[in-house]
Amino acid sequence: MKLKAVGMMVLGWAVPGLGHVAQKKYVRGAVFFGCLAAMTALGLALGGRIYPFQTENPLTILAFFADIGNGVLYLFSRFVPVGIGDLRLATFEFGTAYIAGAGLLNFLVALDAYDIAAGTKK
């Protein structure tokens, strides 16, 4: 495994598209960042929740793994009251789904950055 490729994958996980920008794929990185940031912002605006690690319900464990895909936003949400979620809102589930979807897509974006750095993709 190439150390540079792993570094690009970690950058891409931390901030969507940063792994691509670091490899001079500016348009691709900007598109990924714009789409995933908009998806996450919409999820937060809809009152979605970012789940911490909890063991009482297996579904919250899956939600946790989807949410850590958001990288720095997940770490930020552990210290600042962001993504608390409001269950009383009719849009709570949609917002939570948008945040989880953005996290899962960011895992794919980070893997794309890895593939480009490893030379298996252009």
PDB file of N, CA and C in Angstrom:
ATOM      1  N   MET A   1       0.844  -1.172   0.000  1.00  0.00           N
ATOM      2  CA  MET A   1       0.000   0.000   0.000  1.00  0.00           C
ATOM      3  C   MET A   1       0.896   1.244   0.000  1.00  0.00           C
ATOM      4  N   LYS A   2       0.553   2.186  -0.856  1.00  0.00           N
ATOM      5  CA  LYS A   2       1.361   3.392  -0.976  1.00  0.00           C
ATOM      6  C   LYS A   2       0.968   4.400   0.096  1.00  0.00           C
ATOM      7  N   LEU A   3       1.951   4.956   0.751  1.00  0.00           N
ATOM      8  CA  LEU A   3       1.718   5.911   1.822  1.00  0.00           C
ATOM      9  C   LEU A   3       1.052   7.180   1.299  1.00  0.00           C
ATOM     10  N   LYS A   4       1.446   7.628   0.108  1.00  0.00           N
ATOM     11  CA  LYS A   4       0.837   8.822  -0.482  1.00  0.00           C
ATOM     12  C   LYS A   4      -0.649   8.588  -0.746  1.00  0.00           C
ATOM     13  N   ALA A   5      -0.991   7.420  -1.242  1.00  0.00           N
ATOM     14  CA  ALA A   5      -2.388   7.111  -1.539  1.00  0.00           C
ATOM     15  C   ALA A   5      -3.222   7.073  -0.264  1.00  0.00           C
ATOM     16  N   VAL A   6      -2.672   6.527   0.792  1.00  0.00           N
ATOM     17  CA  VAL A   6      -3.388   6.494   2.070  1.00  0.00           C
ATOM     18  C   VAL A   6      -3.575   7.914   2.601  1.00  0.00           C
ATOM     19  N   GLY A   7      -2.561   8.744   2.450  1.00  0.00           N
ATOM     20  CA  GLY A   7      -2.671  10.137   2.865  1.00  0.00           C
ATOM     21  C   GLY A   7      -3.758  10.877   2.103  1.00  0.00           C
ATOM     22  N   MET A   8      -3.854  10.635   0.800  1.00  0.00           N
ATOM     23  CA  MET A   8      -4.903  11.273   0.002  1.00  0.00           C
ATOM     24  C   MET A   8      -6.288  10.780   0.417  1.00  0.00           C
ATOM     25  N   MET A   9      -6.372   9.512   0.783  1.00  0.00           N
ATOM     26  CA  MET A   9      -7.645   8.970   1.241  1.00  0.00           C
ATOM     27  C   MET A   9      -8.053   9.615   2.569  1.00  0.00           C
ATOM     28  N   VAL A  10      -7.117   9.791   3.465  1.00  0.00           N
ATOM     29  CA  VAL A  10      -7.426  10.428   4.753  1.00  0.00           C
ATOM     30  C   VAL A  10      -7.825  11.885   4.552  1.00  0.00           C
ATOM     31  N   LEU A  11      -7.122  12.591   3.666  1.00  0.00           N
ATOM     32  CA  LEU A  11      -7.515  13.970   3.356  1.00  0.00           C
ATOM     33  C   LEU A  11      -8.914  14.019   2.770  1.00  0.00           C
ATOM     34  N   GLY A  12      -9.212  13.091   1.875  1.00  0.00           N
ATOM     35  CA  GLY A  12     -10.535  13.038   1.259  1.00  0.00           C
ATOM     36  C   GLY A  12     -11.626  12.685   2.248  1.00  0.00           C
ATOM     37  N   TRP A  13     -11.283  11.890   3.259  1.00  0.00           N
ATOM     38  CA  TRP A  13     -12.272  11.585   4.299  1.00  0.00           C
ATOM     39  C   TRP A  13     -12.506  12.786   5.202  1.00  0.00           C
ATOM     40  N   ALA A  14     -11.430  13.474   5.576  1.00  0.00           N
ATOM     41  CA  ALA A  14     -11.539  14.594   6.510  1.00  0.00           C
ATOM     42  C   ALA A  14     -12.388  15.722   5.939  1.00  0.00           C
ATOM     43  N   VAL A  15     -12.113  16.110   4.709  1.00  0.00           N
ATOM     44  CA  VAL A  15     -12.877  17.163   4.026  1.00  0.00           C
ATOM     45  C   VAL A  15     -13.199  16.641   2.637  1.00  0.00           C
ATOM     46  N   PRO A  16     -14.475  16.525   2.300  1.00  0.00           N
ATOM     47  CA  PRO A  16     -14.833  15.988   0.979  1.00  0.00           C
ATOM     48  C   PRO A  16     -14.159  16.761  -0.154  1.00  0.00           C
ATOM     49  N   GLY A  17     -13.480  16.045  -1.031  1.00  0.00           N
ATOM     50  CA  GLY A  17     -12.829  16.644  -2.180  1.00  0.00           C
ATOM     51  C   GLY A  17     -11.407  17.116  -1.937  1.00  0.00           C
ATOM     52  N   LEU A  18     -10.952  17.182  -0.698  1.00  0.00           N
ATOM     53  CA  LEU A  18      -9.604  17.680  -0.409  1.00  0.00           C
ATOM     54  C   LEU A  18      -8.530  16.736  -0.949  1.00  0.00           C
ATOM     55  N   GLY A  19      -8.792  15.463  -0.945  1.00  0.00           N
ATOM     56  CA  GLY A  19      -7.839  14.509  -1.514  1.00  0.00           C
ATOM     57  C   GLY A  19      -7.661  14.705  -3.007  1.00  0.00           C
ATOM     58  N   HIS A  20      -8.719  15.134  -3.679  1.00  0.00           N
ATOM     59  CA  HIS A  20      -8.632  15.404  -5.115  1.00  0.00           C
ATOM     60  C   HIS A  20      -7.921  16.729  -5.380  1.00  0.00           C
ATOM     61  N   VAL A  21      -8.236  17.734  -4.573  1.00  0.00           N
ATOM     62  CA  VAL A  21      -7.585  19.037  -4.739  1.00  0.00           C
ATOM     63  C   VAL A  21      -6.084  18.916  -4.507  1.00  0.00           C
ATOM     64  N   ALA A  22      -5.674  18.116  -3.533  1.00  0.00           N
ATOM     65  CA  ALA A  22      -4.255  17.910  -3.250  1.00  0.00           C
ATOM     66  C   ALA A  22      -3.542  17.226  -4.416  1.00  0.00           C
ATOM     67  N   GLN A  23      -4.298  16.547  -5.268  1.00  0.00           N
ATOM     68  CA  GLN A  23      -3.725  15.873  -6.437  1.00  0.00           C
ATOM     69  C   GLN A  23      -3.941  16.677  -7.716  1.00  0.00           C
ATOM     70  N   LYS A  24      -4.319  17.940  -7.559  1.00  0.00           N
ATOM     71  CA  LYS A  24      -4.535  18.874  -8.666  1.00  0.00           C
ATOM     72  C   LYS A  24      -5.722  18.493  -9.550  1.00  0.00           C
ATOM     73  N   LYS A  25      -6.691  17.826  -8.983  1.00  0.00           N
ATOM     74  CA  LYS A  25      -7.969  17.535  -9.656  1.00  0.00           C
ATOM     75  C   LYS A  25      -8.989  18.527  -9.101  1.00  0.00           C
ATOM     76  N   TYR A  26      -8.801  19.798  -9.450  1.00  0.00           N
ATOM     77  CA  TYR A  26      -9.546  20.887  -8.819  1.00  0.00           C
ATOM     78  C   TYR A  26     -11.041  20.838  -9.093  1.00  0.00           C
ATOM     79  N   VAL A  27     -11.420  20.587 -10.326  1.00  0.00           N
ATOM     80  CA  VAL A  27     -12.851  20.573 -10.658  1.00  0.00           C
ATOM     81  C   VAL A  27     -13.547  19.420  -9.963  1.00  0.00           C
ATOM     82  N   ARG A  28     -12.947  18.252 -10.023  1.00  0.00           N
ATOM     83  CA  ARG A  28     -13.540  17.084  -9.375  1.00  0.00           C
ATOM     84  C   ARG A  28     -13.668  17.299  -7.867  1.00  0.00           C
ATOM     85  N   GLY A  29     -12.614  17.843  -7.247  1.00  0.00           N
ATOM     86  CA  GLY A  29     -12.645  18.120  -5.815  1.00  0.00           C
ATOM     87  C   GLY A  29     -13.699  19.152  -5.457  1.00  0.00           C
ATOM     88  N   ALA A  30     -13.828  20.198  -6.275  1.00  0.00           N
ATOM     89  CA  ALA A  30     -14.828  21.236  -6.001  1.00  0.00           C
ATOM     90  C   ALA A  30     -16.247  20.696  -6.153  1.00  0.00           C
ATOM     91  N   VAL A  31     -16.464  19.847  -7.135  1.00  0.00           N
ATOM     92  CA  VAL A  31     -17.799  19.253  -7.330  1.00  0.00           C
ATOM     93  C   VAL A  31     -18.147  18.346  -6.149  1.00  0.00           C
ATOM     94  N   PHE A  32     -17.203  17.517  -5.748  1.00  0.00           N
ATOM     95  CA  PHE A  32     -17.457  16.640  -4.601  1.00  0.00           C
ATOM     96  C   PHE A  32     -17.724  17.439  -3.334  1.00  0.00           C
ATOM     97  N   PHE A  33     -16.903  18.466  -3.088  1.00  0.00           N
ATOM     98  CA  PHE A  33     -17.104  19.274  -1.902  1.00  0.00           C
ATOM     99  C   PHE A  33     -18.453  19.989  -1.950  1.00  0.00           C
ATOM    100  N   GLY A  34     -18.772  20.583  -3.089  1.00  0.00           N
ATOM    101  CA  GLY A  34     -20.035  21.319  -3.205  1.00  0.00           C
ATOM    102  C   GLY A  34     -21.249  20.433  -2.991  1.00  0.00           C
ATOM    103  N   CYS A  35     -21.251  19.275  -3.623  1.00  0.00           N
ATOM    104  CA  CYS A  35     -22.406  18.374  -3.506  1.00  0.00           C
ATOM    105  C   CYS A  35     -22.549  17.811  -2.092  1.00  0.00           C
ATOM    106  N   LEU A  36     -21.460  17.332  -1.524  1.00  0.00           N
ATOM    107  CA  LEU A  36     -21.542  16.725  -0.194  1.00  0.00           C
ATOM    108  C   LEU A  36     -21.771  17.766   0.897  1.00  0.00           C
ATOM    109  N   ALA A  37     -21.196  18.956   0.736  1.00  0.00           N
ATOM    110  CA  ALA A  37     -21.451  20.019   1.712  1.00  0.00           C
ATOM    111  C   ALA A  37     -22.908  20.467   1.644  1.00  0.00           C
ATOM    112  N   ALA A  38     -23.448  20.566   0.435  1.00  0.00           N
ATOM    113  CA  ALA A  38     -24.857  20.952   0.286  1.00  0.00           C
ATOM    114  C   ALA A  38     -25.775  19.883   0.868  1.00  0.00           C
ATOM    115  N   MET A  39     -25.452  18.635   0.639  1.00  0.00           N
ATOM    116  CA  MET A  39     -26.256  17.542   1.173  1.00  0.00           C
ATOM    117  C   MET A  39     -26.242  17.538   2.700  1.00  0.00           C
ATOM    118  N   THR A  40     -25.061  17.747   3.281  1.00  0.00           N
ATOM    119  CA  THR A  40     -24.941  17.786   4.737  1.00  0.00           C
ATOM    120  C   THR A  40     -25.642  19.012   5.310  1.00  0.00           C
ATOM    121  N   ALA A  41     -25.467  20.163   4.664  1.00  0.00           N
ATOM    122  CA  ALA A  41     -26.111  21.388   5.146  1.00  0.00           C
ATOM    123  C   ALA A  41     -27.625  21.267   5.080  1.00  0.00           C
ATOM    124  N   LEU A  42     -28.131  20.654   4.023  1.00  0.00           N
ATOM    125  CA  LEU A  42     -29.571  20.440   3.914  1.00  0.00           C
ATOM    126  C   LEU A  42     -30.057  19.503   5.008  1.00  0.00           C
ATOM    127  N   GLY A  43     -29.299  18.458   5.281  1.00  0.00           N
ATOM    128  CA  GLY A  43     -29.662  17.536   6.364  1.00  0.00           C
ATOM    129  C   GLY A  43     -29.691  18.217   7.712  1.00  0.00           C
ATOM    130  N   LEU A  44     -28.727  19.085   7.968  1.00  0.00           N
ATOM    131  CA  LEU A  44     -28.716  19.824   9.233  1.00  0.00           C
ATOM    132  C   LEU A  44     -29.864  20.828   9.295  1.00  0.00           C
ATOM    133  N   ALA A  45     -30.157  21.473   8.162  1.00  0.00           N
ATOM    134  CA  ALA A  45     -31.257  22.440   8.123  1.00  0.00           C
ATOM    135  C   ALA A  45     -32.613  21.764   8.337  1.00  0.00           C
ATOM    136  N   LEU A  46     -32.718  20.516   7.926  1.00  0.00           N
ATOM    137  CA  LEU A  46     -33.963  19.768   8.109  1.00  0.00           C
ATOM    138  C   LEU A  46     -34.090  19.194   9.522  1.00  0.00           C
ATOM    139  N   GLY A  47     -33.100  19.426  10.352  1.00  0.00           N
ATOM    140  CA  GLY A  47     -33.166  18.966  11.742  1.00  0.00           C
ATOM    141  C   GLY A  47     -32.675  17.553  11.936  1.00  0.00           C
ATOM    142  N   GLY A  48     -31.774  17.094  11.061  1.00  0.00           N
ATOM    143  CA  GLY A  48     -31.247  15.740  11.173  1.00  0.00           C
ATOM    144  C   GLY A  48     -30.298  15.582  12.337  1.00  0.00           C
ATOM    145  N   ARG A  49     -30.027  14.339  12.668  1.00  0.00           N
ATOM    146  CA  ARG A  49     -29.175  14.023  13.820  1.00  0.00           C
ATOM    147  C   ARG A  49     -27.898  13.348  13.352  1.00  0.00           C
ATOM    148  N   ILE A  50     -26.795  13.707  14.007  1.00  0.00           N
ATOM    149  CA  ILE A  50     -25.517  13.025  13.828  1.00  0.00           C
ATOM    150  C   ILE A  50     -25.348  12.119  15.045  1.00  0.00           C
ATOM    151  N   TYR A  51     -25.320  10.820  14.812  1.00  0.00           N
ATOM    152  CA  TYR A  51     -25.344   9.848  15.904  1.00  0.00           C
ATOM    153  C   TYR A  51     -23.964   9.590  16.488  1.00  0.00           C
ATOM    154  N   PRO A  52     -23.840   9.589  17.823  1.00  0.00           N
ATOM    155  CA  PRO A  52     -22.610   9.124  18.464  1.00  0.00           C
ATOM    156  C   PRO A  52     -22.626   7.601  18.531  1.00  0.00           C
ATOM    157  N   PHE A  53     -21.527   7.014  18.982  1.00  0.00           N
ATOM    158  CA  PHE A  53     -21.484   5.566  19.124  1.00  0.00           C
ATOM    159  C   PHE A  53     -22.327   5.154  20.330  1.00  0.00           C
ATOM    160  N   GLN A  54     -23.342   4.337  20.065  1.00  0.00           N
ATOM    161  CA  GLN A  54     -24.224   3.825  21.119  1.00  0.00           C
ATOM    162  C   GLN A  54     -24.407   2.333  20.886  1.00  0.00           C
ATOM    163  N   THR A  55     -24.445   1.562  21.959  1.00  0.00           N
ATOM    164  CA  THR A  55     -24.536   0.112  21.804  1.00  0.00           C
ATOM    165  C   THR A  55     -25.917  -0.446  22.102  1.00  0.00           C
ATOM    166  N   GLU A  56     -26.849   0.393  22.548  1.00  0.00           N
ATOM    167  CA  GLU A  56     -28.141  -0.177  22.921  1.00  0.00           C
ATOM    168  C   GLU A  56     -29.008  -0.575  21.723  1.00  0.00           C
ATOM    169  N   ASN A  57     -28.757  -0.007  20.554  1.00  0.00           N
ATOM    170  CA  ASN A  57     -29.553  -0.329  19.382  1.00  0.00           C
ATOM    171  C   ASN A  57     -28.612  -0.566  18.195  1.00  0.00           C
ATOM    172  N   PRO A  58     -28.697  -1.722  17.549  1.00  0.00           N
ATOM    173  CA  PRO A  58     -27.794  -1.993  16.418  1.00  0.00           C
ATOM    174  C   PRO A  58     -27.937  -0.996  15.271  1.00  0.00           C
ATOM    175  N   LEU A  59     -29.110  -0.445  15.085  1.00  0.00           N
ATOM    176  CA  LEU A  59     -29.288   0.515  13.997  1.00  0.00           C
ATOM    177  C   LEU A  59     -28.541   1.816  14.259  1.00  0.00           C
ATOM    178  N   THR A  60     -28.404   2.210  15.511  1.00  0.00           N
ATOM    179  CA  THR A  60     -27.632   3.423  15.792  1.00  0.00           C
ATOM    180  C   THR A  60     -26.142   3.193  15.581  1.00  0.00           C
ATOM    181  N   ILE A  61     -25.701   1.946  15.702  1.00  0.00           N
ATOM    182  CA  ILE A  61     -24.299   1.643  15.386  1.00  0.00           C
ATOM    183  C   ILE A  61     -24.067   1.833  13.892  1.00  0.00           C
ATOM    184  N   LEU A  62     -25.002   1.385  13.072  1.00  0.00           N
ATOM    185  CA  LEU A  62     -24.880   1.590  11.630  1.00  0.00           C
ATOM    186  C   LEU A  62     -24.942   3.068  11.276  1.00  0.00           C
ATOM    187  N   ALA A  63     -25.814   3.816  11.942  1.00  0.00           N
ATOM    188  CA  ALA A  63     -25.905   5.256  11.705  1.00  0.00           C
ATOM    189  C   ALA A  63     -24.603   5.949  12.109  1.00  0.00           C
ATOM    190  N   PHE A  64     -23.985   5.486  13.175  1.00  0.00           N
ATOM    191  CA  PHE A  64     -22.698   6.043  13.604  1.00  0.00           C
ATOM    192  C   PHE A  64     -21.652   5.855  12.514  1.00  0.00           C
ATOM    193  N   PHE A  65     -21.542   4.653  11.948  1.00  0.00           N
ATOM    194  CA  PHE A  65     -20.549   4.407  10.908  1.00  0.00           C
ATOM    195  C   PHE A  65     -20.832   5.226   9.653  1.00  0.00           C
ATOM    196  N   ALA A  66     -22.096   5.457   9.331  1.00  0.00           N
ATOM    197  CA  ALA A  66     -22.426   6.320   8.196  1.00  0.00           C
ATOM    198  C   ALA A  66     -22.045   7.765   8.506  1.00  0.00           C
ATOM    199  N   ASP A  67     -22.275   8.207   9.732  1.00  0.00           N
ATOM    200  CA  ASP A  67     -22.016   9.599  10.087  1.00  0.00           C
ATOM    201  C   ASP A  67     -20.537   9.925  10.214  1.00  0.00           C
ATOM    202  N   ILE A  68     -19.691   8.961  10.602  1.00  0.00           N
ATOM    203  CA  ILE A  68     -18.262   9.276  10.681  1.00  0.00           C
ATOM    204  C   ILE A  68     -17.667   9.482   9.291  1.00  0.00           C
ATOM    205  N   GLY A  69     -18.400   9.119   8.264  1.00  0.00           N
ATOM    206  CA  GLY A  69     -17.963   9.406   6.903  1.00  0.00           C
ATOM    207  C   GLY A  69     -17.924  10.895   6.603  1.00  0.00           C
ATOM    208  N   ASN A  70     -18.582  11.690   7.420  1.00  0.00           N
ATOM    209  CA  ASN A  70     -18.570  13.141   7.224  1.00  0.00           C
ATOM    210  C   ASN A  70     -17.280  13.782   7.703  1.00  0.00           C
ATOM    211  N   GLY A  71     -16.369  13.022   8.250  1.00  0.00           N
ATOM    212  CA  GLY A  71     -15.035  13.493   8.578  1.00  0.00           C
ATOM    213  C   GLY A  71     -15.001  14.542   9.671  1.00  0.00           C
ATOM    214  N   VAL A  72     -14.470  15.709   9.343  1.00  0.00           N
ATOM    215  CA  VAL A  72     -14.278  16.776  10.319  1.00  0.00           C
ATOM    216  C   VAL A  72     -15.611  17.243  10.892  1.00  0.00           C
ATOM    217  N   LEU A  73     -16.665  17.215  10.096  1.00  0.00           N
ATOM    218  CA  LEU A  73     -17.978  17.613  10.614  1.00  0.00           C
ATOM    219  C   LEU A  73     -18.394  16.712  11.768  1.00  0.00           C
ATOM    220  N   TYR A  74     -18.143  15.417  11.647  1.00  0.00           N
ATOM    221  CA  TYR A  74     -18.491  14.517  12.752  1.00  0.00           C
ATOM    222  C   TYR A  74     -17.703  14.870  14.005  1.00  0.00           C
ATOM    223  N   LEU A  75     -16.412  15.082  13.857  1.00  0.00           N
ATOM    224  CA  LEU A  75     -15.584  15.444  15.011  1.00  0.00           C
ATOM    225  C   LEU A  75     -16.036  16.780  15.600  1.00  0.00           C
ATOM    226  N   PHE A  76     -16.379  17.729  14.743  1.00  0.00           N
ATOM    227  CA  PHE A  76     -16.873  19.034  15.177  1.00  0.00           C
ATOM    228  C   PHE A  76     -18.179  18.894  15.954  1.00  0.00           C
ATOM    229  N   SER A  77     -19.036  17.985  15.514  1.00  0.00           N
ATOM    230  CA  SER A  77     -20.344  17.813  16.161  1.00  0.00           C
ATOM    231  C   SER A  77     -20.239  17.207  17.555  1.00  0.00           C
ATOM    232  N   ARG A  78     -19.114  16.571  17.876  1.00  0.00           N
ATOM    233  CA  ARG A  78     -18.933  16.014  19.209  1.00  0.00           C
ATOM    234  C   ARG A  78     -18.628  17.092  20.248  1.00  0.00           C
ATOM    235  N   PHE A  79     -18.127  18.253  19.793  1.00  0.00           N
ATOM    236  CA  PHE A  79     -17.744  19.320  20.718  1.00  0.00           C
ATOM    237  C   PHE A  79     -18.692  20.512  20.695  1.00  0.00           C
ATOM    238  N   VAL A  80     -19.363  20.724  19.575  1.00  0.00           N
ATOM    239  CA  VAL A  80     -20.275  21.863  19.409  1.00  0.00           C
ATOM    240  C   VAL A  80     -21.672  21.299  19.161  1.00  0.00           C
ATOM    241  N   PRO A  81     -22.703  21.907  19.703  1.00  0.00           N
ATOM    242  CA  PRO A  81     -24.060  21.350  19.502  1.00  0.00           C
ATOM    243  C   PRO A  81     -24.577  21.519  18.071  1.00  0.00           C
ATOM    244  N   VAL A  82     -24.033  20.720  17.181  1.00  0.00           N
ATOM    245  CA  VAL A  82     -24.459  20.688  15.779  1.00  0.00           C
ATOM    246  C   VAL A  82     -24.973  19.286  15.497  1.00  0.00           C
ATOM    247  N   GLY A  83     -26.083  19.170  14.804  1.00  0.00           N
ATOM    248  CA  GLY A  83     -26.610  17.856  14.456  1.00  0.00           C
ATOM    249  C   GLY A  83     -27.244  17.123  15.616  1.00  0.00           C
ATOM    250  N   ILE A  84     -27.802  17.874  16.549  1.00  0.00           N
ATOM    251  CA  ILE A  84     -28.467  17.257  17.695  1.00  0.00           C
ATOM    252  C   ILE A  84     -29.754  16.572  17.243  1.00  0.00           C
ATOM    253  N   GLY A  85     -30.430  17.180  16.291  1.00  0.00           N
ATOM    254  CA  GLY A  85     -31.679  16.619  15.772  1.00  0.00           C
ATOM    255  C   GLY A  85     -32.858  16.977  16.653  1.00  0.00           C
ATOM    256  N   ASP A  86     -33.970  17.216  16.009  1.00  0.00           N
ATOM    257  CA  ASP A  86     -35.202  17.552  16.714  1.00  0.00           C
ATOM    258  C   ASP A  86     -36.281  16.575  16.256  1.00  0.00           C
ATOM    259  N   LEU A  87     -36.557  15.600  17.092  1.00  0.00           N
ATOM    260  CA  LEU A  87     -37.498  14.532  16.746  1.00  0.00           C
ATOM    261  C   LEU A  87     -38.914  15.045  16.521  1.00  0.00           C
ATOM    262  N   ARG A  88     -39.207  16.232  17.020  1.00  0.00           N
ATOM    263  CA  ARG A  88     -40.555  16.795  16.849  1.00  0.00           C
ATOM    264  C   ARG A  88     -40.794  17.296  15.430  1.00  0.00           C
ATOM    265  N   LEU A  89     -39.724  17.540  14.683  1.00  0.00           N
ATOM    266  CA  LEU A  89     -39.875  18.034  13.318  1.00  0.00           C
ATOM    267  C   LEU A  89     -40.304  16.908  12.380  1.00  0.00           C
ATOM    268  N   ALA A  90     -41.164  17.248  11.449  1.00  0.00           N
ATOM    269  CA  ALA A  90     -41.596  16.261  10.456  1.00  0.00           C
ATOM    270  C   ALA A  90     -40.452  15.894   9.510  1.00  0.00           C
ATOM    271  N   THR A  91     -39.450  16.749   9.412  1.00  0.00           N
ATOM    272  CA  THR A  91     -38.335  16.526   8.491  1.00  0.00           C
ATOM    273  C   THR A  91     -37.131  15.852   9.145  1.00  0.00           C
ATOM    274  N   PHE A  92     -37.265  15.440  10.408  1.00  0.00           N
ATOM    275  CA  PHE A  92     -36.142  14.847  11.149  1.00  0.00           C
ATOM    276  C   PHE A  92     -35.535  13.653  10.411  1.00  0.00           C
ATOM    277  N   GLU A  93     -36.366  12.727   9.978  1.00  0.00           N
ATOM    278  CA  GLU A  93     -35.854  11.512   9.312  1.00  0.00           C
ATOM    279  C   GLU A  93     -35.186  11.830   7.988  1.00  0.00           C
ATOM    280  N   PHE A  94     -35.757  12.784   7.236  1.00  0.00           N
ATOM    281  CA  PHE A  94     -35.137  13.170   5.967  1.00  0.00           C
ATOM    282  C   PHE A  94     -33.772  13.805   6.204  1.00  0.00           C
ATOM    283  N   GLY A  95     -33.685  14.681   7.196  1.00  0.00           N
ATOM    284  CA  GLY A  95     -32.414  15.314   7.508  1.00  0.00           C
ATOM    285  C   GLY A  95     -31.364  14.312   7.940  1.00  0.00           C
ATOM    286  N   THR A  96     -31.756  13.366   8.772  1.00  0.00           N
ATOM    287  CA  THR A  96     -30.834  12.322   9.222  1.00  0.00           C
ATOM    288  C   THR A  96     -30.371  11.468   8.048  1.00  0.00           C
ATOM    289  N   ALA A  97     -31.274  11.176   7.129  1.00  0.00           N
ATOM    290  CA  ALA A  97     -30.916  10.383   5.952  1.00  0.00           C
ATOM    291  C   ALA A  97     -29.950  11.147   5.046  1.00  0.00           C
ATOM    292  N   TYR A  98     -30.141  12.440   4.890  1.00  0.00           N
ATOM    293  CA  TYR A  98     -29.223  13.243   4.080  1.00  0.00           C
ATOM    294  C   TYR A  98     -27.823  13.257   4.694  1.00  0.00           C
ATOM    295  N   ILE A  99     -27.742  13.418   6.002  1.00  0.00           N
ATOM    296  CA  ILE A  99     -26.437  13.452   6.666  1.00  0.00           C
ATOM    297  C   ILE A  99     -25.739  12.096   6.540  1.00  0.00           C
ATOM    298  N   ALA A 100     -26.471  11.011   6.770  1.00  0.00           N
ATOM    299  CA  ALA A 100     -25.892   9.670   6.647  1.00  0.00           C
ATOM    300  C   ALA A 100     -25.502   9.374   5.202  1.00  0.00           C
ATOM    301  N   GLY A 101     -26.336   9.787   4.255  1.00  0.00           N
ATOM    302  CA  GLY A 101     -26.027   9.581   2.840  1.00  0.00           C
ATOM    303  C   GLY A 101     -24.776  10.334   2.417  1.00  0.00           C
ATOM    304  N   ALA A 102     -24.616  11.549   2.913  1.00  0.00           N
ATOM    305  CA  ALA A 102     -23.417  12.324   2.597  1.00  0.00           C
ATOM    306  C   ALA A 102     -22.178  11.646   3.171  1.00  0.00           C
ATOM    307  N   GLY A 103     -22.300  11.078   4.374  1.00  0.00           N
ATOM    308  CA  GLY A 103     -21.167  10.370   4.964  1.00  0.00           C
ATOM    309  C   GLY A 103     -20.782   9.131   4.164  1.00  0.00           C
ATOM    310  N   LEU A 104     -21.765   8.373   3.733  1.00  0.00           N
ATOM    311  CA  LEU A 104     -21.476   7.176   2.941  1.00  0.00           C
ATOM    312  C   LEU A 104     -20.885   7.533   1.583  1.00  0.00           C
ATOM    313  N   LEU A 105     -21.395   8.585   0.962  1.00  0.00           N
ATOM    314  CA  LEU A 105     -20.827   9.024  -0.313  1.00  0.00           C
ATOM    315  C   LEU A 105     -19.404   9.532  -0.148  1.00  0.00           C
ATOM    316  N   ASN A 106     -19.133  10.159   1.000  1.00  0.00           N
ATOM    317  CA  ASN A 106     -17.773  10.651   1.232  1.00  0.00           C
ATOM    318  C   ASN A 106     -16.783   9.501   1.371  1.00  0.00           C
ATOM    319  N   PHE A 107     -17.214   8.356   1.889  1.00  0.00           N
ATOM    320  CA  PHE A 107     -16.331   7.190   1.899  1.00  0.00           C
ATOM    321  C   PHE A 107     -15.934   6.819   0.466  1.00  0.00           C
ATOM    322  N   LEU A 108     -16.895   6.870  -0.444  1.00  0.00           N
ATOM    323  CA  LEU A 108     -16.596   6.555  -1.854  1.00  0.00           C
ATOM    324  C   LEU A 108     -15.684   7.597  -2.479  1.00  0.00           C
ATOM    325  N   VAL A 109     -15.883   8.865  -2.134  1.00  0.00           N
ATOM    326  CA  VAL A 109     -15.027   9.940  -2.641  1.00  0.00           C
ATOM    327  C   VAL A 109     -13.597   9.747  -2.136  1.00  0.00           C
ATOM    328  N   ALA A 110     -13.437   9.380  -0.875  1.00  0.00           N
ATOM    329  CA  ALA A 110     -12.111   9.131  -0.323  1.00  0.00           C
ATOM    330  C   ALA A 110     -11.441   7.936  -1.017  1.00  0.00           C
ATOM    331  N   LEU A 111     -12.213   6.900  -1.320  1.00  0.00           N
ATOM    332  CA  LEU A 111     -11.651   5.757  -2.054  1.00  0.00           C
ATOM    333  C   LEU A 111     -11.257   6.148  -3.475  1.00  0.00           C
ATOM    334  N   ASP A 112     -12.002   7.062  -4.086  1.00  0.00           N
ATOM    335  CA  ASP A 112     -11.650   7.561  -5.409  1.00  0.00           C
ATOM    336  C   ASP A 112     -10.319   8.310  -5.350  1.00  0.00           C
ATOM    337  N   ALA A 113     -10.131   9.131  -4.320  1.00  0.00           N
ATOM    338  CA  ALA A 113      -8.857   9.840  -4.143  1.00  0.00           C
ATOM    339  C   ALA A 113      -7.708   8.840  -3.961  1.00  0.00           C
ATOM    340  N   TYR A 114      -7.969   7.769  -3.231  1.00  0.00           N
ATOM    341  CA  TYR A 114      -6.958   6.721  -3.051  1.00  0.00           C
ATOM    342  C   TYR A 114      -6.598   6.086  -4.386  1.00  0.00           C
ATOM    343  N   ASP A 115      -7.599   5.723  -5.181  1.00  0.00           N
ATOM    344  CA  ASP A 115      -7.347   5.091  -6.477  1.00  0.00           C
ATOM    345  C   ASP A 115      -6.542   5.988  -7.407  1.00  0.00           C
ATOM    346  N   ILE A 116      -6.828   7.264  -7.406  1.00  0.00           N
ATOM    347  CA  ILE A 116      -6.085   8.192  -8.261  1.00  0.00           C
ATOM    348  C   ILE A 116      -4.631   8.264  -7.798  1.00  0.00           C
ATOM    349  N   ALA A 117      -4.406   8.379  -6.505  1.00  0.00           N
ATOM    350  CA  ALA A 117      -3.037   8.471  -5.975  1.00  0.00           C
ATOM    351  C   ALA A 117      -2.271   7.179  -6.167  1.00  0.00           C
ATOM    352  N   ALA A 118      -2.958   6.044  -6.119  1.00  0.00           N
ATOM    353  CA  ALA A 118      -2.288   4.747  -6.306  1.00  0.00           C
ATOM    354  C   ALA A 118      -1.989   4.460  -7.770  1.00  0.00           C
ATOM    355  N   GLY A 119      -2.581   5.250  -8.681  1.00  0.00           N
ATOM    356  CA  GLY A 119      -2.311   5.072 -10.101  1.00  0.00           C
ATOM    357  C   GLY A 119      -3.232   4.093 -10.790  1.00  0.00           C
ATOM    358  N   THR A 120      -4.269   3.635 -10.127  1.00  0.00           N
ATOM    359  CA  THR A 120      -5.194   2.695 -10.765  1.00  0.00           C
ATOM    360  C   THR A 120      -6.328   3.402 -11.489  1.00  0.00           C
ATOM    361  N   LYS A 121      -6.391   4.718 -11.367  1.00  0.00           N
ATOM    362  CA  LYS A 121      -7.444   5.494 -12.002  1.00  0.00           C
ATOM    363  C   LYS A 121      -6.884   6.869 -12.336  1.00  0.00           C
ATOM    364  N   LYS A 122      -7.437   7.471 -13.383  1.00  0.00           N
ATOM    365  CA  LYS A 122      -6.981   8.820 -13.750  1.00  0.00           C
ATOM    366  C   LYS A 122      -7.985   9.856 -13.352  1.00  0.00           C
TER     367      LYS A 122
END
